[in-house]
Protein backbone atom coordinates (compact mmCIF):
# COMPACT_ATOMS: atom_id res chain seq x y z
CA MET A 1 -21.09 24.20 56.88
CA LYS A 2 -19.40 20.99 55.74
CA ALA A 3 -19.28 17.85 57.86
CA TRP A 4 -15.86 17.00 59.25
CA THR A 5 -15.64 13.85 57.08
CA GLN A 6 -15.89 16.06 53.99
CA ILE A 7 -12.83 18.13 54.89
CA THR A 8 -9.80 17.25 52.75
CA HIS A 9 -7.37 20.06 53.61
CA TYR A 10 -6.49 21.82 56.83
CA ALA A 11 -5.07 25.32 57.17
CA ALA A 12 -4.04 27.69 59.92
CA LEU A 13 -3.70 31.47 59.84
CA ASP A 14 -1.15 33.02 62.19
CA TRP A 15 -2.47 36.56 62.37
CA ALA A 16 -0.72 39.84 63.08
CA ARG A 17 -1.66 43.49 62.72
CA ASP A 18 -0.17 44.04 59.26
CA HIS A 19 0.38 40.55 57.82
CA HIS A 20 -0.77 36.93 58.17
CA ASP A 21 1.01 33.60 57.59
CA ILE A 22 -0.99 30.69 56.15
CA VAL A 23 -0.03 27.03 55.92
CA VAL A 24 -2.22 24.35 54.30
CA VAL A 25 -1.73 20.60 54.79
CA ASP A 26 -3.54 17.63 53.28
CA ARG A 27 -4.91 14.54 55.02
CA SER A 28 -1.44 12.98 55.20
CA GLY A 29 0.04 16.07 56.86
CA THR A 30 2.03 17.17 53.81
CA ILE A 31 2.33 20.94 53.35
CA VAL A 32 0.64 21.82 50.05
CA SER A 33 0.64 25.60 50.38
CA ASP A 34 2.66 28.06 52.44
CA PHE A 35 2.46 31.81 51.97
CA ARG A 36 2.18 35.21 53.64
CA ILE A 37 -0.31 37.98 52.85
CA GLN A 38 -0.48 41.61 53.86
CA HIS A 39 -3.51 42.84 55.76
CA SER A 40 -4.83 44.79 52.82
CA ILE A 41 -7.39 44.48 50.04
CA GLU A 42 -4.75 42.98 47.77
CA GLY A 43 -3.63 40.55 50.47
CA TRP A 44 -7.10 39.16 51.17
CA THR A 45 -7.78 38.91 47.44
CA GLU A 46 -4.59 36.87 47.13
CA LEU A 47 -5.72 34.60 49.98
CA ARG A 48 -8.99 33.83 48.21
CA SER A 49 -7.22 32.94 44.99
CA ARG A 50 -4.59 30.77 46.70
CA LEU A 51 -7.19 28.83 48.69
CA ALA A 52 -9.55 28.40 45.74
CA PRO A 53 -7.99 25.01 44.77
CA TYR A 54 -9.06 23.62 48.19
CA PRO A 55 -12.86 23.89 48.34
CA ASP A 56 -13.15 21.40 51.23
CA LEU A 57 -10.97 23.36 53.62
CA ALA A 58 -11.02 24.04 57.36
CA VAL A 59 -9.01 26.91 58.87
CA ALA A 60 -7.73 27.23 62.44
CA VAL A 61 -6.92 30.58 64.04
CA GLU A 62 -5.94 31.67 67.56
CA THR A 63 -8.92 33.97 68.05
CA ASN A 64 -12.66 34.05 67.47
CA GLN A 65 -13.03 37.74 66.65
CA GLY A 66 -11.30 40.64 64.98
CA PRO A 67 -10.63 41.84 61.41
CA ALA A 68 -8.88 38.63 60.30
CA VAL A 69 -11.81 36.46 61.41
CA GLU A 70 -14.31 38.80 59.78
CA GLN A 71 -12.43 38.64 56.47
CA MET A 72 -12.29 34.84 56.60
CA MET A 73 -15.99 34.66 57.39
CA SER A 74 -16.78 36.90 54.42
CA ALA A 75 -14.65 34.58 52.25
CA GLY A 76 -16.87 31.66 53.24
CA LEU A 77 -14.16 29.74 55.11
CA GLN A 78 -14.98 27.19 57.80
CA ILE A 79 -13.16 28.49 60.87
CA TYR A 80 -12.09 26.62 64.00
CA PRO A 81 -10.91 28.90 66.85
CA VAL A 82 -8.16 27.47 69.02
CA ASN A 83 -7.10 28.60 72.49
CA PRO A 84 -3.68 30.36 72.38
CA ARG A 85 -2.40 28.14 75.20
CA SER A 86 -3.40 25.03 73.27
CA ALA A 87 -1.73 26.46 70.16
CA ARG A 88 1.47 27.00 72.15
CA ASN A 89 1.41 23.40 73.34
CA TYR A 90 0.91 22.18 69.77
CA ARG A 91 3.93 24.24 68.70
CA ASP A 92 6.04 22.80 71.54
CA ARG A 93 5.09 19.33 70.35
CA LYS A 94 6.50 20.16 66.91
CA ALA A 95 9.52 22.10 68.20
CA PRO A 96 10.50 20.99 71.72
CA THR A 97 13.69 23.09 71.48
CA GLY A 98 11.63 26.23 71.94
CA VAL A 99 12.19 27.74 68.51
CA LYS A 100 9.35 30.02 67.42
CA ASN A 101 8.34 31.83 64.25
CA ASP A 102 5.08 32.66 62.48
CA ARG A 103 5.40 29.93 59.86
CA LEU A 104 6.05 27.28 62.52
CA ASP A 105 3.02 28.46 64.50
CA ALA A 106 0.81 28.21 61.42
CA TRP A 107 2.10 24.77 60.47
CA ALA A 108 1.77 23.34 64.01
CA THR A 109 -1.80 24.65 64.33
CA ALA A 110 -2.79 23.39 60.86
CA ASP A 111 -1.49 19.92 61.66
CA ALA A 112 -3.25 20.01 65.04
CA LEU A 113 -6.48 20.80 63.22
CA ARG A 114 -5.89 17.78 60.98
CA VAL A 115 -5.34 15.45 63.94
CA ASP A 116 -7.69 16.83 66.60
CA GLY A 117 -10.08 19.09 64.70
CA HIS A 118 -12.93 16.59 64.78
CA THR A 119 -13.36 17.47 68.47
CA TRP A 120 -13.21 21.25 67.95
CA ARG A 121 -16.26 23.46 67.63
CA PRO A 122 -16.49 25.45 64.38
CA LEU A 123 -17.24 29.16 64.51
CA LYS A 124 -20.82 29.82 63.45
CA PRO A 125 -22.14 33.02 61.86
CA GLU A 126 -23.52 35.25 64.59
CA ASP A 127 -26.66 37.33 64.79
CA PRO A 128 -25.55 40.87 63.80
CA LEU A 129 -27.69 42.35 66.58
CA ILE A 130 -25.88 40.27 69.24
CA ALA A 131 -22.48 41.09 67.74
CA GLU A 132 -23.23 44.83 67.74
CA LEU A 133 -24.64 44.73 71.28
CA ARG A 134 -21.55 42.91 72.54
CA GLN A 135 -19.19 45.45 70.99
CA LEU A 136 -21.22 48.34 72.40
CA CYS A 137 -21.20 46.82 75.89
CA ARG A 138 -17.48 46.08 75.82
CA ASP A 139 -16.66 49.54 74.52
CA GLU A 140 -18.84 51.05 77.24
CA VAL A 141 -16.86 49.13 79.87
CA SER A 142 -13.63 50.37 78.28
CA MET A 143 -14.86 53.96 78.50
CA ILE A 144 -15.87 53.46 82.15
CA GLU A 145 -12.34 52.24 82.85
CA GLN A 146 -10.97 55.38 81.18
CA ARG A 147 -13.26 57.48 83.38
CA THR A 148 -12.00 55.67 86.49
CA SER A 149 -8.40 56.35 85.46
CA LEU A 150 -9.14 60.03 84.84
CA LEU A 151 -10.87 60.34 88.21
CA ALA A 152 -7.82 58.88 89.95
CA GLN A 153 -5.60 61.36 88.11
CA LEU A 154 -7.95 64.20 89.05
CA ARG A 155 -7.88 63.29 92.73
CA HIS A 156 -4.08 63.15 92.65
CA THR A 157 -3.94 66.57 90.99
CA LEU A 158 -6.33 68.15 93.51
CA HIS A 159 -4.32 66.74 96.39
CA ALA A 160 -1.30 68.65 95.07
CA TYR A 161 -2.88 72.11 94.93
CA TYR A 162 -6.57 72.13 95.96
CA PRO A 163 -7.19 69.85 98.99
CA ALA A 164 -10.27 71.89 99.95
CA ALA A 165 -12.10 70.58 96.88
CA LEU A 166 -11.40 66.97 97.90
CA GLU A 167 -12.63 67.71 101.41
CA ALA A 168 -15.82 69.39 100.20
CA PHE A 169 -16.91 66.64 97.80
CA GLU A 170 -16.43 62.95 98.47
CA ASP A 171 -17.79 61.31 95.32
CA TRP A 172 -16.07 62.73 92.24
CA THR A 173 -18.03 60.54 89.85
CA PHE A 174 -20.80 63.17 89.98
CA PRO A 175 -20.65 65.63 87.05
CA SER A 176 -21.51 68.46 89.47
CA CYS A 177 -18.06 68.09 91.03
CA TRP A 178 -16.43 68.57 87.64
CA GLU A 179 -18.56 71.66 87.07
CA PHE A 180 -17.34 72.99 90.43
CA LEU A 181 -13.74 72.81 89.21
CA ILE A 182 -14.59 74.51 85.94
CA GLU A 183 -16.42 77.28 87.84
CA PHE A 184 -13.81 77.65 90.63
CA PRO A 185 -10.52 76.29 89.22
CA THR A 186 -8.29 77.56 92.07
CA PRO A 187 -8.64 78.26 95.80
CA GLU A 188 -8.20 81.98 95.06
CA ALA A 189 -11.08 81.90 92.55
CA LEU A 190 -13.26 80.15 95.14
CA ALA A 191 -12.38 82.67 97.87
CA ALA A 192 -13.03 85.60 95.55
CA ALA A 193 -16.52 84.31 94.68
CA GLY A 194 -17.79 84.77 98.25
CA PRO A 195 -20.49 83.03 100.32
CA ARG A 196 -23.48 84.27 98.31
CA LYS A 197 -22.14 82.76 95.08
CA TRP A 198 -21.18 79.56 96.89
CA LYS A 199 -24.72 79.10 98.19
CA ARG A 200 -26.23 79.90 94.80
CA TRP A 201 -23.93 77.40 93.08
CA LEU A 202 -24.77 74.61 95.58
CA ALA A 203 -28.50 75.20 95.16
CA THR A 204 -28.24 75.30 91.35
CA HIS A 205 -26.40 71.95 91.30
CA ASN A 206 -28.85 70.17 93.62
CA PHE A 207 -26.80 70.21 96.82
CA HIS A 208 -29.73 70.86 99.16
CA TRP A 209 -28.87 69.02 102.40
CA GLN A 210 -28.25 71.65 105.04
CA GLY A 211 -25.78 69.71 107.20
CA PRO A 212 -23.32 68.77 104.41
CA ASN A 213 -23.66 72.22 102.86
CA GLU A 214 -22.69 73.93 106.11
CA LYS A 215 -19.55 71.81 106.20
CA ARG A 216 -18.82 72.65 102.56
CA LEU A 217 -19.23 76.37 103.21
CA ALA A 218 -16.80 76.12 106.12
CA VAL A 219 -14.29 74.34 103.87
CA PHE A 220 -14.73 76.98 101.15
CA ALA A 221 -14.00 79.73 103.69
CA ARG A 222 -10.55 78.31 104.46
CA ALA A 223 -9.75 76.96 100.97
CA THR A 224 -6.60 79.06 100.57
CA LEU A 225 -4.96 77.94 103.81
CA LEU A 226 -3.57 74.62 102.51
CA GLN A 227 -3.11 75.30 98.81
CA GLY A 228 0.03 74.72 96.77
CA ASN A 229 2.56 77.42 95.93
CA PRO A 230 1.68 79.81 93.06
CA SER A 231 3.57 77.86 90.40
CA THR A 232 1.94 74.59 91.42
CA VAL A 233 -1.51 76.19 91.48
CA ALA A 234 -1.04 77.72 88.02
CA ALA A 235 0.09 74.46 86.43
CA LYS A 236 -2.12 71.99 88.23
CA SER A 237 -5.29 74.06 87.92
CA LEU A 238 -4.97 73.88 84.13
CA LEU A 239 -4.58 70.10 84.35
CA ALA A 240 -7.55 69.75 86.72
CA VAL A 241 -9.86 71.82 84.52
CA SER A 242 -8.70 69.91 81.43
CA ILE A 243 -9.51 66.58 83.09
CA ALA A 244 -12.88 67.90 84.24
CA LYS A 245 -13.80 68.94 80.70
CA ILE A 246 -12.67 65.57 79.34
CA LEU A 247 -14.80 63.84 81.96
CA ARG A 248 -17.78 65.96 80.99
CA THR A 249 -17.39 64.96 77.35
CA LEU A 250 -16.80 61.33 78.26
CA GLU A 251 -19.94 61.26 80.40
CA ALA A 252 -22.01 62.60 77.51
CA GLN A 253 -20.64 59.84 75.26
CA LEU A 254 -21.39 57.23 77.91
CA ARG A 255 -25.00 58.38 77.98
CA GLU A 256 -25.13 57.93 74.20
CA TYR A 257 -23.65 54.43 74.52
CA ARG A 258 -26.26 53.50 77.12
CA ARG A 259 -29.04 54.82 74.89
CA GLN A 260 -27.87 52.73 71.96
CA ILE A 261 -27.28 49.66 74.15
CA GLN A 262 -30.82 49.91 75.51
CA ASP A 263 -32.19 50.32 71.98
CA ARG A 264 -30.39 47.17 70.70
CA PHE A 265 -31.27 45.25 73.85
CA GLU A 266 -34.99 45.95 73.55
CA LYS A 267 -34.96 44.77 69.94
CA HIS A 268 -33.70 41.30 70.88
CA PRO A 269 -36.35 38.65 71.64
CA ASP A 270 -34.49 37.54 74.80
CA HIS A 271 -34.53 40.99 76.43
CA ASP A 272 -37.46 40.10 78.72
CA LEU A 273 -35.65 36.96 79.85
CA PHE A 274 -32.46 38.73 80.91
CA GLY A 275 -34.35 41.81 82.08
CA SER A 276 -36.19 39.67 84.63
CA LEU A 277 -32.99 38.68 86.46
CA PRO A 278 -32.90 40.27 89.95
CA GLY A 279 -30.44 43.14 90.09
CA ALA A 280 -29.44 42.94 86.43
CA GLY A 281 -31.20 46.16 85.47
CA PRO A 282 -30.56 48.20 82.31
CA LYS A 283 -26.76 47.92 82.57
CA MET A 284 -25.99 44.30 83.43
CA ALA A 285 -28.81 42.58 81.51
CA PRO A 286 -27.52 43.70 78.07
CA ARG A 287 -23.98 42.61 79.00
CA LEU A 288 -25.16 39.15 80.05
CA LEU A 289 -27.25 38.73 76.91
CA SER A 290 -24.48 39.91 74.59
CA GLU A 291 -21.86 37.57 76.07
CA LEU A 292 -24.12 34.49 76.08
CA GLY A 293 -25.59 35.17 72.63
CA ASP A 294 -28.59 33.27 71.34
CA ASP A 295 -27.06 29.98 70.14
CA ARG A 296 -28.56 27.52 72.62
CA SER A 297 -26.42 24.63 71.34
CA ARG A 298 -23.25 26.47 72.34
CA PHE A 299 -23.59 25.42 75.99
CA PRO A 300 -25.08 21.90 76.20
CA SER A 301 -25.07 21.92 80.01
CA PRO A 302 -24.88 24.37 82.93
CA ASP A 303 -21.31 23.21 83.55
CA ALA A 304 -20.26 24.36 80.08
CA LEU A 305 -21.64 27.84 80.73
CA GLN A 306 -20.11 28.00 84.20
CA CYS A 307 -16.68 27.05 82.85
CA TYR A 308 -17.02 29.61 80.04
CA ALA A 309 -17.91 32.32 82.57
CA GLY A 310 -15.01 31.39 84.88
CA THR A 311 -17.12 30.71 87.98
CA ALA A 312 -16.38 26.96 87.98
CA PRO A 313 -13.08 26.13 89.73
CA ILE A 314 -10.44 23.83 88.28
CA SER A 315 -8.82 20.91 90.08
CA PHE A 316 -5.09 20.18 90.13
CA GLN A 317 -4.02 16.71 91.20
CA SER A 318 -0.52 15.28 91.04
CA GLY A 319 0.68 12.57 93.40
CA GLN A 320 -0.12 13.73 96.92
CA ILE A 321 -1.04 17.24 95.74
CA ASN A 322 -4.74 17.92 95.33
CA ARG A 323 -5.78 21.55 94.99
CA THR A 324 -8.71 23.60 93.73
CA LEU A 325 -7.83 26.73 91.81
CA MET A 326 -9.65 29.69 90.32
CA ARG A 327 -10.34 29.30 86.59
CA ARG A 328 -8.33 31.79 84.53
CA ALA A 329 -9.02 30.60 80.97
CA CYS A 330 -12.53 31.93 80.40
CA ASN A 331 -14.51 34.79 78.91
CA LEU A 332 -13.16 37.61 81.06
CA GLU A 333 -15.91 40.05 80.06
CA LEU A 334 -18.62 37.57 81.05
CA ARG A 335 -16.85 36.76 84.33
CA GLN A 336 -16.74 40.44 85.21
CA ALA A 337 -20.41 40.88 84.30
CA VAL A 338 -21.46 37.87 86.40
CA HIS A 339 -19.37 39.12 89.34
CA LEU A 340 -21.03 42.56 89.27
CA TRP A 341 -24.48 41.11 88.72
CA ALA A 342 -24.08 38.63 91.61
CA SER A 343 -23.27 41.56 93.90
CA LEU A 344 -26.30 43.53 92.70
CA SER A 345 -28.62 40.52 92.95
CA MET A 346 -28.22 40.39 96.74
CA ARG A 347 -30.21 43.64 97.02
CA LYS A 348 -33.19 42.09 95.22
CA SER A 349 -33.06 38.40 96.15
CA THR A 350 -33.32 37.11 99.71
CA TRP A 351 -31.89 33.69 98.94
CA ALA A 352 -28.93 35.21 97.06
CA TYR A 353 -27.99 37.34 100.07
CA ALA A 354 -28.38 34.38 102.44
CA TYR A 355 -26.25 32.24 100.12
CA TYR A 356 -23.51 34.89 100.06
CA LEU A 357 -23.52 35.24 103.86
CA LYS A 358 -23.24 31.48 104.27
CA HIS A 359 -20.02 31.42 102.23
CA ARG A 360 -18.65 34.43 104.10
CA ARG A 361 -19.32 32.72 107.42
CA ASP A 362 -17.46 29.69 106.07
CA GLY A 363 -14.35 31.86 105.80
CA GLN A 364 -14.40 32.67 102.10
CA SER A 365 -13.37 36.08 100.80
CA HIS A 366 -15.86 38.55 99.34
CA SER A 367 -14.74 37.76 95.77
CA CYS A 368 -14.86 34.00 96.32
CA ALA A 369 -18.35 34.21 97.84
CA LEU A 370 -19.58 36.28 94.89
CA ARG A 371 -18.03 33.76 92.50
CA CYS A 372 -19.91 30.95 94.26
CA LEU A 373 -23.13 32.96 94.05
CA GLY A 374 -22.49 33.61 90.36
CA GLN A 375 -21.97 29.87 89.87
CA ARG A 376 -25.37 29.24 91.43
CA TRP A 377 -27.04 31.95 89.36
CA LEU A 378 -25.61 30.66 86.09
CA LYS A 379 -27.24 27.28 86.63
CA ILE A 380 -30.58 29.10 86.87
CA VAL A 381 -29.79 31.33 83.90
CA TRP A 382 -28.90 28.31 81.74
CA LYS A 383 -32.26 26.67 82.45
CA MET A 384 -34.12 29.92 81.77
CA TRP A 385 -32.13 30.44 78.59
CA GLN A 386 -32.78 26.94 77.28
CA SER A 387 -36.51 27.03 78.07
CA ARG A 388 -36.89 30.72 77.07
CA THR A 389 -38.68 31.58 80.30
CA ARG A 390 -38.41 34.64 82.53
CA TYR A 391 -37.15 34.42 86.09
CA ASP A 392 -40.02 33.88 88.51
CA PRO A 393 -38.97 34.14 92.19
CA ASP A 394 -42.13 32.37 93.36
CA PHE A 395 -41.56 29.46 90.96
CA HIS A 396 -37.92 29.29 92.09
CA GLN A 397 -38.98 29.14 95.73
CA ARG A 398 -41.49 26.37 94.98
CA ASN A 399 -38.72 24.38 93.32
CA GLN A 400 -36.51 24.90 96.38
CA LEU A 401 -39.31 23.58 98.59
CA LYS A 402 -39.99 20.66 96.27
CA HIS A 403 -36.37 19.52 96.21
CA GLY A 404 -35.57 20.39 99.82
CA SER A 405 -32.83 22.82 98.87
CA TRP A 406 -30.39 23.66 101.66
CA VAL A 407 -30.34 27.23 100.33
CA LEU A 408 -33.97 27.63 101.39
CA GLN A 409 -33.04 26.74 104.96
CA LEU A 410 -30.66 29.69 105.04
CA GLN A 411 -33.60 32.06 104.62
CA ALA A 412 -35.53 30.66 107.59
CA PRO A 413 -35.47 33.03 110.62
CA THR A 414 -33.34 31.78 113.47
CA SER A 415 -34.74 31.65 116.97
CA PRO A 416 -33.16 34.08 119.47
């Protein structure tokens, strides 16, 4: 990677799905090259040949991932990601009238790189294991969101024609509930099966608690009393069974994702570090590791990590107005992971639960209190990450005693 003083030309790529606009300027800001390529083998070959006359080149782009970035990395280009909001402000500086087109975006960003690029952080090649783990974790979350959407659609469908099924089973995330629908797709099919088959099915699918089962059997006995009309039952039962089969397939794929995530996670040298975090477990620890990566120089301080994760608030001050707002510009995947992990950590860490309760008593919402707890955790994670040490609750408590932490006082039992 070249030093900034060695850079003689500055480019920007305004990317799209099927084509990309590129503008190159020299040190004086003069446009020396301006062209468009298609997102194809021929297009990227053309880009290499057109940029060959500028060996000391830096390229700005409004993203840090995706096919365009991967192609530029393989071409050996020095890439500087820029925040889309910053890019918009640079364009407004060039065109205050509000005009917008791809060429203008590329030119404004290229000139911004020339003027301000010495303060930007270049994109470094990433460990392939981290990159793969991150994609697996993000895709797993996407599939979980699809499952949640399908479950909501399934509940809505059952409400229309099969309310007895909703009454009998509360948690429809269990695969056994989907199997119930496949086995008994309509109230008539359930009634025709009879009590002996109901009991055998419940026992086969691990529903052994006598009290809940008695209630289920009573619901099964009157399943046809509040069903939809025949046309609704015929149509909606096909939809319900279809969704149940999709959910069954999706759950099998999720298990495969988790197997591969665990395999990649265990291969990384930092897996013990993140695995030691209270409440992180086999699901959250890989997500935290994949979003932080293993480049320790990326976050020079805890504040940098907290801002990147979105737990650090932002201040807004203008005249007599002075407000504190939630940070929106951040790594949304990491913010979600920290939020979930902070919630889970309260089950394993006494101080974390006490810290959360303190913020709730102060009038903060559940989400705000979890964000504050995540902010506290990230300071600890940053120190662990930099020193490559596992989390030790006893060592943490000794540090709290040593420094007289107010958090430690929250854990002290109060007198009646």
